[in-house]
Amino acid sequence: GVPPHKVFDGPSDDRAIAVMRSWHVNTVRILLNEDCWLGINGTPPA
C-alpha cells in the first residue's frame, strides 16, 4: 500500500535521451494518465 514516488519507468535524463538518439530516432511517444495529470482520484501529490 505504499504510494509511488516516481513518474517514469526508467531514466528520462539527457543521457537516456542520448541513448535513444543513438538509434537514429527523431520522435518519442509518451503515454499519459489523466488522473495523474489532473491530480485527482487518489493520485499522491508527490
All heavy atoms as atom14 arrays in JSON, in Angstrom:
{
  "sequence": "GVPPHKVFDGPSDDRAIAVMRSWHVNTVRILLNEDCWLGINGTPPA",
  "atom14_mask": [
    [1, 1, 1, 1, 0, 0, 0, 0, 0, 0, 0, 0, 0, 0],
    [1, 1, 1, 1, 1, 1, 1, 0, 0, 0, 0, 0, 0, 0],
    [1, 1, 1, 1, 1, 1, 1, 0, 0, 0, 0, 0, 0, 0],
    [1, 1, 1, 1, 1, 1, 1, 0, 0, 0, 0, 0, 0, 0],
    [1, 1, 1, 1, 1, 1, 1, 1, 1, 1, 0, 0, 0, 0],
    [1, 1, 1, 1, 1, 1, 1, 1, 1, 0, 0, 0, 0, 0],
    [1, 1, 1, 1, 1, 1, 1, 0, 0, 0, 0, 0, 0, 0],
    [1, 1, 1, 1, 1, 1, 1, 1, 1, 1, 1, 0, 0, 0],
    [1, 1, 1, 1, 1, 1, 1, 1, 0, 0, 0, 0, 0, 0],
    [1, 1, 1, 1, 0, 0, 0, 0, 0, 0, 0, 0, 0, 0],
    [1, 1, 1, 1, 1, 1, 1, 0, 0, 0, 0, 0, 0, 0],
    [1, 1, 1, 1, 1, 1, 0, 0, 0, 0, 0, 0, 0, 0],
    [1, 1, 1, 1, 1, 1, 1, 1, 0, 0, 0, 0, 0, 0],
    [1, 1, 1, 1, 1, 1, 1, 1, 0, 0, 0, 0, 0, 0],
    [1, 1, 1, 1, 1, 1, 1, 1, 1, 1, 1, 0, 0, 0],
    [1, 1, 1, 1, 1, 0, 0, 0, 0, 0, 0, 0, 0, 0],
    [1, 1, 1, 1, 1, 1, 1, 1, 0, 0, 0, 0, 0, 0],
    [1, 1, 1, 1, 1, 0, 0, 0, 0, 0, 0, 0, 0, 0],
    [1, 1, 1, 1, 1, 1, 1, 0, 0, 0, 0, 0, 0, 0],
    [1, 1, 1, 1, 1, 1, 1, 1, 0, 0, 0, 0, 0, 0],
    [1, 1, 1, 1, 1, 1, 1, 1, 1, 1, 1, 0, 0, 0],
    [1, 1, 1, 1, 1, 1, 0, 0, 0, 0, 0, 0, 0, 0],
    [1, 1, 1, 1, 1, 1, 1, 1, 1, 1, 1, 1, 1, 1],
    [1, 1, 1, 1, 1, 1, 1, 1, 1, 1, 0, 0, 0, 0],
    [1, 1, 1, 1, 1, 1, 1, 0, 0, 0, 0, 0, 0, 0],
    [1, 1, 1, 1, 1, 1, 1, 1, 0, 0, 0, 0, 0, 0],
    [1, 1, 1, 1, 1, 1, 1, 0, 0, 0, 0, 0, 0, 0],
    [1, 1, 1, 1, 1, 1, 1, 0, 0, 0, 0, 0, 0, 0],
    [1, 1, 1, 1, 1, 1, 1, 1, 1, 1, 1, 0, 0, 0],
    [1, 1, 1, 1, 1, 1, 1, 1, 0, 0, 0, 0, 0, 0],
    [1, 1, 1, 1, 1, 1, 1, 1, 0, 0, 0, 0, 0, 0],
    [1, 1, 1, 1, 1, 1, 1, 1, 0, 0, 0, 0, 0, 0],
    [1, 1, 1, 1, 1, 1, 1, 1, 0, 0, 0, 0, 0, 0],
    [1, 1, 1, 1, 1, 1, 1, 1, 1, 0, 0, 0, 0, 0],
    [1, 1, 1, 1, 1, 1, 1, 1, 0, 0, 0, 0, 0, 0],
    [1, 1, 1, 1, 1, 1, 0, 0, 0, 0, 0, 0, 0, 0],
    [1, 1, 1, 1, 1, 1, 1, 1, 1, 1, 1, 1, 1, 1],
    [1, 1, 1, 1, 1, 1, 1, 1, 0, 0, 0, 0, 0, 0],
    [1, 1, 1, 1, 0, 0, 0, 0, 0, 0, 0, 0, 0, 0],
    [1, 1, 1, 1, 1, 1, 1, 1, 0, 0, 0, 0, 0, 0],
    [1, 1, 1, 1, 1, 1, 1, 1, 0, 0, 0, 0, 0, 0],
    [1, 1, 1, 1, 0, 0, 0, 0, 0, 0, 0, 0, 0, 0],
    [1, 1, 1, 1, 1, 1, 1, 0, 0, 0, 0, 0, 0, 0],
    [1, 1, 1, 1, 1, 1, 1, 0, 0, 0, 0, 0, 0, 0],
    [1, 1, 1, 1, 1, 1, 1, 0, 0, 0, 0, 0, 0, 0],
    [1, 1, 1, 1, 1, 0, 0, 0, 0, 0, 0, 0, 0, 0]
  ],
  "atom14_positions": [
    [[0.78, -1.23, 0.0], [0.0, 0.0, 0.0], [0.81, 1.27, 0.0], [0.27, 2.37, 0.15], [0.0, 0.0, 0.0], [0.0, 0.0, 0.0], [0.0, 0.0, 0.0], [0.0, 0.0, 0.0], [0.0, 0.0, 0.0], [0.0, 0.0, 0.0], [0.0, 0.0, 0.0], [0.0, 0.0, 0.0], [0.0, 0.0, 0.0], [0.0, 0.0, 0.0]],
    [[2.12, 1.17, -0.17], [2.97, 2.36, -0.2], [2.77, 3.09, -1.53], [2.83, 2.46, -2.58], [4.46, 1.98, -0.03], [5.35, 3.21, -0.14], [4.67, 1.29, 1.31], [0.0, 0.0, 0.0], [0.0, 0.0, 0.0], [0.0, 0.0, 0.0], [0.0, 0.0, 0.0], [0.0, 0.0, 0.0], [0.0, 0.0, 0.0], [0.0, 0.0, 0.0]],
    [[2.51, 4.38, -1.49], [2.27, 5.1, -2.74], [3.55, 5.23, -3.57], [4.66, 5.12, -3.04], [1.78, 6.48, -2.27], [2.36, 6.64, -0.91], [2.36, 5.26, -0.31], [0.0, 0.0, 0.0], [0.0, 0.0, 0.0], [0.0, 0.0, 0.0], [0.0, 0.0, 0.0], [0.0, 0.0, 0.0], [0.0, 0.0, 0.0], [0.0, 0.0, 0.0]],
    [[3.42, 5.42, -4.87], [4.59, 5.54, -5.74], [5.33, 6.86, -5.51], [4.77, 7.81, -4.99], [3.98, 5.49, -7.15], [2.6, 6.05, -6.96], [2.16, 5.59, -5.6], [0.0, 0.0, 0.0], [0.0, 0.0, 0.0], [0.0, 0.0, 0.0], [0.0, 0.0, 0.0], [0.0, 0.0, 0.0], [0.0, 0.0, 0.0], [0.0, 0.0, 0.0]],
    [[6.56, 6.89, -5.91], [7.35, 8.1, -5.75], [8.08, 8.46, -7.03], [9.12, 9.09, -7.01], [8.37, 7.92, -4.62], [7.74, 7.71, -3.28], [7.13, 8.72, -2.56], [7.58, 6.6, -2.52], [6.64, 8.25, -1.43], [6.91, 6.95, -1.37], [0.0, 0.0, 0.0], [0.0, 0.0, 0.0], [0.0, 0.0, 0.0], [0.0, 0.0, 0.0]],
    [[7.52, 8.04, -8.16], [8.15, 8.38, -9.42], [7.1, 8.5, -10.51], [5.99, 8.0, -10.38], [9.2, 7.34, -9.79], [8.68, 5.92, -9.97], [9.82, 4.97, -10.32], [9.33, 3.54, -10.48], [10.42, 2.61, -10.89], [0.0, 0.0, 0.0], [0.0, 0.0, 0.0], [0.0, 0.0, 0.0], [0.0, 0.0, 0.0], [0.0, 0.0, 0.0]],
    [[7.49, 9.19, -11.56], [6.61, 9.4, -12.71], [6.99, 8.49, -13.85], [6.13, 7.97, -14.56], [6.68, 10.88, -13.16], [5.92, 11.09, -14.47], [6.14, 11.8, -12.07], [0.0, 0.0, 0.0], [0.0, 0.0, 0.0], [0.0, 0.0, 0.0], [0.0, 0.0, 0.0], [0.0, 0.0, 0.0], [0.0, 0.0, 0.0], [0.0, 0.0, 0.0]],
    [[8.28, 8.22, -14.02], [8.79, 7.47, -15.16], [9.18, 6.04, -14.79], [9.59, 5.78, -13.67], [10.01, 8.18, -15.76], [9.72, 9.57, -16.25], [9.98, 10.67, -15.44], [9.2, 9.78, -17.52], [9.73, 11.96, -15.9], [8.94, 11.06, -17.97], [9.2, 12.16, -17.16], [0.0, 0.0, 0.0], [0.0, 0.0, 0.0], [0.0, 0.0, 0.0]],
    [[9.05, 5.15, -15.74], [9.57, 3.8, -15.63], [10.89, 3.78, -16.39], [10.91, 3.65, -17.61], [8.59, 2.79, -16.22], [9.05, 1.35, -16.04], [10.2, 1.14, -15.62], [8.26, 0.44, -16.34], [0.0, 0.0, 0.0], [0.0, 0.0, 0.0], [0.0, 0.0, 0.0], [0.0, 0.0, 0.0], [0.0, 0.0, 0.0], [0.0, 0.0, 0.0]],
    [[11.99, 3.92, -15.67], [13.29, 4.02, -16.33], [13.75, 5.46, -16.43], [12.98, 6.4, -16.18], [0.0, 0.0, 0.0], [0.0, 0.0, 0.0], [0.0, 0.0, 0.0], [0.0, 0.0, 0.0], [0.0, 0.0, 0.0], [0.0, 0.0, 0.0], [0.0, 0.0, 0.0], [0.0, 0.0, 0.0], [0.0, 0.0, 0.0], [0.0, 0.0, 0.0]],
    [[15.0, 5.68, -16.79], [15.57, 7.03, -16.83], [14.97, 7.9, -17.93], [14.56, 7.4, -18.98], [17.06, 6.77, -17.08], [17.1, 5.46, -17.79], [15.98, 4.65, -17.2], [0.0, 0.0, 0.0], [0.0, 0.0, 0.0], [0.0, 0.0, 0.0], [0.0, 0.0, 0.0], [0.0, 0.0, 0.0], [0.0, 0.0, 0.0], [0.0, 0.0, 0.0]],
    [[14.96, 9.2, -17.67], [14.45, 10.17, -18.64], [15.36, 11.38, -18.76], [14.95, 12.42, -19.25], [13.04, 10.62, -18.25], [13.05, 11.26, -16.98], [0.0, 0.0, 0.0], [0.0, 0.0, 0.0], [0.0, 0.0, 0.0], [0.0, 0.0, 0.0], [0.0, 0.0, 0.0], [0.0, 0.0, 0.0], [0.0, 0.0, 0.0], [0.0, 0.0, 0.0]],
    [[16.6, 11.24, -18.31], [17.53, 12.36, -18.32], [18.22, 12.49, -19.68], [17.92, 11.76, -20.63], [18.57, 12.21, -17.21], [19.33, 10.88, -17.29], [19.2, 10.17, -18.31], [20.06, 10.56, -16.33], [0.0, 0.0, 0.0], [0.0, 0.0, 0.0], [0.0, 0.0, 0.0], [0.0, 0.0, 0.0], [0.0, 0.0, 0.0], [0.0, 0.0, 0.0]],
    [[19.13, 13.44, -19.78], [19.81, 13.71, -21.05], [20.59, 12.49, -21.54], [20.66, 12.23, -22.75], [20.75, 14.91, -20.91], [20.0, 16.22, -20.77], [18.85, 16.3, -21.25], [20.56, 17.17, -20.19], [0.0, 0.0, 0.0], [0.0, 0.0, 0.0], [0.0, 0.0, 0.0], [0.0, 0.0, 0.0], [0.0, 0.0, 0.0], [0.0, 0.0, 0.0]],
    [[21.2, 11.76, -20.61], [21.96, 10.58, -21.02], [21.04, 9.54, -21.63], [21.36, 8.91, -22.64], [22.7, 9.99, -19.82], [23.5, 8.74, -20.16], [24.27, 8.23, -18.95], [25.27, 9.19, -18.51], [26.09, 8.99, -17.48], [26.02, 7.86, -16.79], [26.98, 9.91, -17.15], [0.0, 0.0, 0.0], [0.0, 0.0, 0.0], [0.0, 0.0, 0.0]],
    [[19.84, 9.35, -21.03], [18.88, 8.39, -21.57], [18.42, 8.82, -22.96], [18.25, 7.98, -23.86], [17.69, 8.28, -20.63], [0.0, 0.0, 0.0], [0.0, 0.0, 0.0], [0.0, 0.0, 0.0], [0.0, 0.0, 0.0], [0.0, 0.0, 0.0], [0.0, 0.0, 0.0], [0.0, 0.0, 0.0], [0.0, 0.0, 0.0], [0.0, 0.0, 0.0]],
    [[18.22, 10.11, -23.15], [17.8, 10.61, -24.46], [18.91, 10.41, -25.49], [18.65, 10.08, -26.65], [17.4, 12.09, -24.36], [16.14, 12.22, -23.49], [17.16, 12.7, -25.74], [15.77, 13.65, -23.16], [0.0, 0.0, 0.0], [0.0, 0.0, 0.0], [0.0, 0.0, 0.0], [0.0, 0.0, 0.0], [0.0, 0.0, 0.0], [0.0, 0.0, 0.0]],
    [[20.15, 10.58, -25.07], [21.28, 10.37, -25.98], [21.33, 8.92, -26.45], [21.66, 8.64, -27.61], [22.59, 10.76, -25.3], [0.0, 0.0, 0.0], [0.0, 0.0, 0.0], [0.0, 0.0, 0.0], [0.0, 0.0, 0.0], [0.0, 0.0, 0.0], [0.0, 0.0, 0.0], [0.0, 0.0, 0.0], [0.0, 0.0, 0.0], [0.0, 0.0, 0.0]],
    [[20.99, 7.99, -25.57], [20.95, 6.58, -25.97], [19.86, 6.37, -27.01], [20.05, 5.66, -28.01], [20.74, 5.68, -24.75], [20.6, 4.22, -25.18], [21.9, 5.82, -23.77], [0.0, 0.0, 0.0], [0.0, 0.0, 0.0], [0.0, 0.0, 0.0], [0.0, 0.0, 0.0], [0.0, 0.0, 0.0], [0.0, 0.0, 0.0], [0.0, 0.0, 0.0]],
    [[18.69, 6.97, -26.81], [17.63, 6.88, -27.8], [18.09, 7.42, -29.15], [17.88, 6.81, -30.2], [16.4, 7.67, -27.34], [15.66, 7.11, -26.15], [14.24, 8.17, -25.74], [13.6, 7.34, -24.3], [0.0, 0.0, 0.0], [0.0, 0.0, 0.0], [0.0, 0.0, 0.0], [0.0, 0.0, 0.0], [0.0, 0.0, 0.0], [0.0, 0.0, 0.0]],
    [[18.76, 8.55, -29.12], [19.23, 9.17, -30.36], [20.24, 8.3, -31.08], [20.35, 8.37, -32.31], [19.84, 10.54, -30.07], [18.84, 11.63, -29.75], [19.44, 13.0, -29.95], [19.81, 13.19, -31.35], [20.59, 14.19, -31.79], [21.08, 15.06, -30.95], [20.88, 14.3, -33.06], [0.0, 0.0, 0.0], [0.0, 0.0, 0.0], [0.0, 0.0, 0.0]],
    [[20.97, 7.48, -30.33], [21.96, 6.61, -30.97], [21.3, 5.58, -31.88], [21.94, 4.98, -32.72], [22.81, 5.91, -29.91], [22.07, 4.9, -29.22], [0.0, 0.0, 0.0], [0.0, 0.0, 0.0], [0.0, 0.0, 0.0], [0.0, 0.0, 0.0], [0.0, 0.0, 0.0], [0.0, 0.0, 0.0], [0.0, 0.0, 0.0], [0.0, 0.0, 0.0]],
    [[19.99, 5.39, -31.7], [19.23, 4.51, -32.59], [18.69, 5.27, -33.8], [17.96, 4.72, -34.61], [18.05, 3.9, -31.82], [18.4, 2.73, -30.97], [19.51, 2.57, -30.17], [17.62, 1.54, -30.8], [19.47, 1.38, -29.52], [18.32, 0.71, -29.87], [16.41, 1.09, -31.31], [17.84, -0.53, -29.49], [15.92, -0.15, -30.91], [16.64, -0.95, -30.01]],
    [[19.02, 6.54, -33.91], [18.6, 7.4, -35.02], [17.08, 7.65, -35.03], [16.47, 7.75, -36.08], [19.04, 6.81, -36.37], [20.52, 6.62, -36.48], [21.4, 7.65, -36.68], [21.28, 5.49, -36.37], [22.63, 7.19, -36.7], [22.59, 5.88, -36.51], [0.0, 0.0, 0.0], [0.0, 0.0, 0.0], [0.0, 0.0, 0.0], [0.0, 0.0, 0.0]],
    [[16.51, 7.78, -33.83], [15.1, 8.14, -33.74], [14.98, 9.66, -33.78], [15.91, 10.39, -33.42], [14.45, 7.61, -32.45], [14.69, 6.12, -32.29], [14.94, 8.35, -31.22], [0.0, 0.0, 0.0], [0.0, 0.0, 0.0], [0.0, 0.0, 0.0], [0.0, 0.0, 0.0], [0.0, 0.0, 0.0], [0.0, 0.0, 0.0], [0.0, 0.0, 0.0]],
    [[13.83, 10.15, -34.22], [13.58, 11.59, -34.16], [12.32, 11.93, -33.37], [11.95, 13.11, -33.28], [13.5, 12.2, -35.57], [12.27, 11.74, -36.36], [11.44, 10.99, -35.86], [12.17, 12.19, -37.59], [0.0, 0.0, 0.0], [0.0, 0.0, 0.0], [0.0, 0.0, 0.0], [0.0, 0.0, 0.0], [0.0, 0.0, 0.0], [0.0, 0.0, 0.0]],
    [[11.65, 10.91, -32.79], [10.39, 11.13, -32.09], [10.26, 10.16, -30.93], [10.64, 8.99, -31.04], [9.19, 10.93, -33.04], [9.36, 11.75, -34.2], [7.88, 11.3, -32.36], [0.0, 0.0, 0.0], [0.0, 0.0, 0.0], [0.0, 0.0, 0.0], [0.0, 0.0, 0.0], [0.0, 0.0, 0.0], [0.0, 0.0, 0.0], [0.0, 0.0, 0.0]],
    [[9.69, 10.65, -29.83], [9.36, 9.8, -28.68], [7.9, 10.02, -28.35], [7.44, 11.16, -28.2], [10.24, 10.12, -27.46], [9.81, 9.28, -26.26], [11.71, 9.88, -27.79], [0.0, 0.0, 0.0], [0.0, 0.0, 0.0], [0.0, 0.0, 0.0], [0.0, 0.0, 0.0], [0.0, 0.0, 0.0], [0.0, 0.0, 0.0], [0.0, 0.0, 0.0]],
    [[7.15, 8.93, -28.24], [5.73, 9.0, -27.88], [5.59, 8.66, -26.4], [6.08, 7.63, -25.94], [4.92, 8.03, -28.73], [3.41, 8.04, -28.5], [2.72, 7.21, -29.57], [1.28, 7.11, -29.39], [0.65, 6.09, -28.82], [1.37, 5.05, -28.36], [-0.66, 6.07, -28.71], [0.0, 0.0, 0.0], [0.0, 0.0, 0.0], [0.0, 0.0, 0.0]],
    [[4.92, 9.54, -25.66], [4.78, 9.41, -24.21], [3.33, 9.17, -23.87], [2.44, 9.91, -24.29], [5.28, 10.69, -23.51], [6.72, 11.02, -23.93], [5.2, 10.54, -21.99], [7.19, 12.38, -23.45], [0.0, 0.0, 0.0], [0.0, 0.0, 0.0], [0.0, 0.0, 0.0], [0.0, 0.0, 0.0], [0.0, 0.0, 0.0], [0.0, 0.0, 0.0]],
    [[3.06, 8.13, -23.08], [1.71, 7.78, -22.66], [1.37, 8.49, -21.36], [2.17, 8.47, -20.42], [1.58, 6.27, -22.47], [1.56, 5.36, -23.71], [0.4, 5.72, -24.62], [2.87, 5.39, -24.47], [0.0, 0.0, 0.0], [0.0, 0.0, 0.0], [0.0, 0.0, 0.0], [0.0, 0.0, 0.0], [0.0, 0.0, 0.0], [0.0, 0.0, 0.0]],
    [[0.18, 9.1, -21.29], [-0.19, 9.9, -20.12], [-1.4, 9.33, -19.4], [-2.22, 8.62, -19.97], [-0.48, 11.34, -20.54], [0.68, 12.11, -21.19], [0.24, 13.54, -21.51], [1.91, 12.11, -20.3], [0.0, 0.0, 0.0], [0.0, 0.0, 0.0], [0.0, 0.0, 0.0], [0.0, 0.0, 0.0], [0.0, 0.0, 0.0], [0.0, 0.0, 0.0]],
    [[-1.5, 9.68, -18.13], [-2.59, 9.28, -17.25], [-3.39, 10.53, -16.87], [-2.84, 11.47, -16.32], [-2.02, 8.6, -16.0], [-3.08, 8.09, -15.05], [-3.94, 8.82, -14.59], [-2.99, 6.81, -14.72], [0.0, 0.0, 0.0], [0.0, 0.0, 0.0], [0.0, 0.0, 0.0], [0.0, 0.0, 0.0], [0.0, 0.0, 0.0], [0.0, 0.0, 0.0]],
    [[-4.69, 10.53, -17.17], [-5.48, 11.74, -16.92], [-5.6, 12.07, -15.44], [-5.57, 13.25, -15.06], [-6.86, 11.62, -17.56], [-7.76, 10.57, -16.96], [-9.13, 10.5, -17.63], [-9.27, 11.03, -18.75], [-10.06, 9.9, -17.04], [0.0, 0.0, 0.0], [0.0, 0.0, 0.0], [0.0, 0.0, 0.0], [0.0, 0.0, 0.0], [0.0, 0.0, 0.0]],
    [[-5.71, 11.05, -14.58], [-5.8, 11.32, -13.15], [-4.53, 11.93, -12.61], [-4.56, 12.85, -11.78], [-6.09, 10.02, -12.39], [-7.55, 9.6, -12.5], [-8.31, 10.27, -13.23], [-7.93, 8.6, -11.86], [0.0, 0.0, 0.0], [0.0, 0.0, 0.0], [0.0, 0.0, 0.0], [0.0, 0.0, 0.0], [0.0, 0.0, 0.0], [0.0, 0.0, 0.0]],
    [[-3.39, 11.42, -13.06], [-2.11, 11.93, -12.59], [-1.89, 13.36, -13.08], [-1.38, 14.21, -12.33], [-0.98, 11.01, -13.04], [-1.1, 9.35, -12.34], [0.0, 0.0, 0.0], [0.0, 0.0, 0.0], [0.0, 0.0, 0.0], [0.0, 0.0, 0.0], [0.0, 0.0, 0.0], [0.0, 0.0, 0.0], [0.0, 0.0, 0.0], [0.0, 0.0, 0.0]],
    [[-2.25, 13.63, -14.33], [-2.1, 15.0, -14.85], [-2.98, 15.97, -14.08], [-2.55, 17.08, -13.72], [-2.44, 15.04, -16.34], [-2.27, 16.41, -16.92], [-3.19, 17.42, -16.94], [-1.1, 16.94, -17.55], [-2.68, 18.54, -17.53], [-1.39, 18.27, -17.92], [0.16, 16.42, -17.83], [-0.47, 19.08, -18.57], [1.09, 17.23, -18.47], [0.77, 18.55, -18.83]],
    [[-4.21, 15.57, -13.8], [-5.16, 16.45, -13.12], [-5.03, 16.41, -11.6], [-5.6, 17.26, -10.9], [-6.58, 16.08, -13.51], [-6.93, 16.25, -15.0], [-8.31, 15.69, -15.28], [-6.85, 17.71, -15.43], [0.0, 0.0, 0.0], [0.0, 0.0, 0.0], [0.0, 0.0, 0.0], [0.0, 0.0, 0.0], [0.0, 0.0, 0.0], [0.0, 0.0, 0.0]],
    [[-4.29, 15.43, -11.08], [-4.11, 15.32, -9.64], [-5.37, 14.92, -8.91], [-5.67, 15.45, -7.82], [0.0, 0.0, 0.0], [0.0, 0.0, 0.0], [0.0, 0.0, 0.0], [0.0, 0.0, 0.0], [0.0, 0.0, 0.0], [0.0, 0.0, 0.0], [0.0, 0.0, 0.0], [0.0, 0.0, 0.0], [0.0, 0.0, 0.0], [0.0, 0.0, 0.0]],
    [[-6.12, 13.96, -9.46], [-7.4, 13.57, -8.88], [-7.43, 12.07, -8.57], [-6.5, 11.34, -8.91], [-8.56, 13.91, -9.83], [-8.41, 13.17, -11.17], [-8.66, 15.41, -10.05], [-9.59, 13.35, -12.13], [0.0, 0.0, 0.0], [0.0, 0.0, 0.0], [0.0, 0.0, 0.0], [0.0, 0.0, 0.0], [0.0, 0.0, 0.0], [0.0, 0.0, 0.0]],
    [[-8.51, 11.65, -7.91], [-8.79, 10.23, -7.66], [-7.66, 9.5, -6.94], [-7.28, 8.39, -7.31], [-9.15, 9.51, -8.96], [-10.49, 9.97, -9.52], [-11.32, 10.5, -8.79], [-10.7, 9.77, -10.81], [0.0, 0.0, 0.0], [0.0, 0.0, 0.0], [0.0, 0.0, 0.0], [0.0, 0.0, 0.0], [0.0, 0.0, 0.0], [0.0, 0.0, 0.0]],
    [[-7.14, 10.15, -5.92], [-6.15, 9.49, -5.07], [-4.72, 9.54, -5.55], [-3.86, 8.85, -4.99], [0.0, 0.0, 0.0], [0.0, 0.0, 0.0], [0.0, 0.0, 0.0], [0.0, 0.0, 0.0], [0.0, 0.0, 0.0], [0.0, 0.0, 0.0], [0.0, 0.0, 0.0], [0.0, 0.0, 0.0], [0.0, 0.0, 0.0], [0.0, 0.0, 0.0]],
    [[-4.44, 10.32, -6.57], [-3.06, 10.43, -7.03], [-2.21, 11.11, -5.96], [-2.55, 12.21, -5.52], [-2.96, 11.26, -8.33], [-3.84, 10.71, -9.3], [-1.54, 11.26, -8.86], [0.0, 0.0, 0.0], [0.0, 0.0, 0.0], [0.0, 0.0, 0.0], [0.0, 0.0, 0.0], [0.0, 0.0, 0.0], [0.0, 0.0, 0.0], [0.0, 0.0, 0.0]],
    [[-1.11, 10.51, -5.52], [-0.26, 11.14, -4.49], [0.28, 12.48, -5.0], [0.75, 12.57, -6.14], [0.87, 10.13, -4.3], [0.29, 8.82, -4.74], [-0.64, 9.16, -5.86], [0.0, 0.0, 0.0], [0.0, 0.0, 0.0], [0.0, 0.0, 0.0], [0.0, 0.0, 0.0], [0.0, 0.0, 0.0], [0.0, 0.0, 0.0], [0.0, 0.0, 0.0]],
    [[0.23, 13.53, -4.19], [0.71, 14.85, -4.63], [2.15, 14.86, -5.12], [2.51, 15.66, -5.99], [0.55, 15.72, -3.37], [-0.54, 15.04, -2.59], [-0.36, 13.57, -2.84], [0.0, 0.0, 0.0], [0.0, 0.0, 0.0], [0.0, 0.0, 0.0], [0.0, 0.0, 0.0], [0.0, 0.0, 0.0], [0.0, 0.0, 0.0], [0.0, 0.0, 0.0]],
    [[2.97, 13.94, -4.6], [4.38, 13.92, -4.99], [4.57, 13.56, -6.46], [5.6, 13.89, -7.06], [5.16, 12.95, -4.12], [0.0, 0.0, 0.0], [0.0, 0.0, 0.0], [0.0, 0.0, 0.0], [0.0, 0.0, 0.0], [0.0, 0.0, 0.0], [0.0, 0.0, 0.0], [0.0, 0.0, 0.0], [0.0, 0.0, 0.0], [0.0, 0.0, 0.0]]
  ]
}
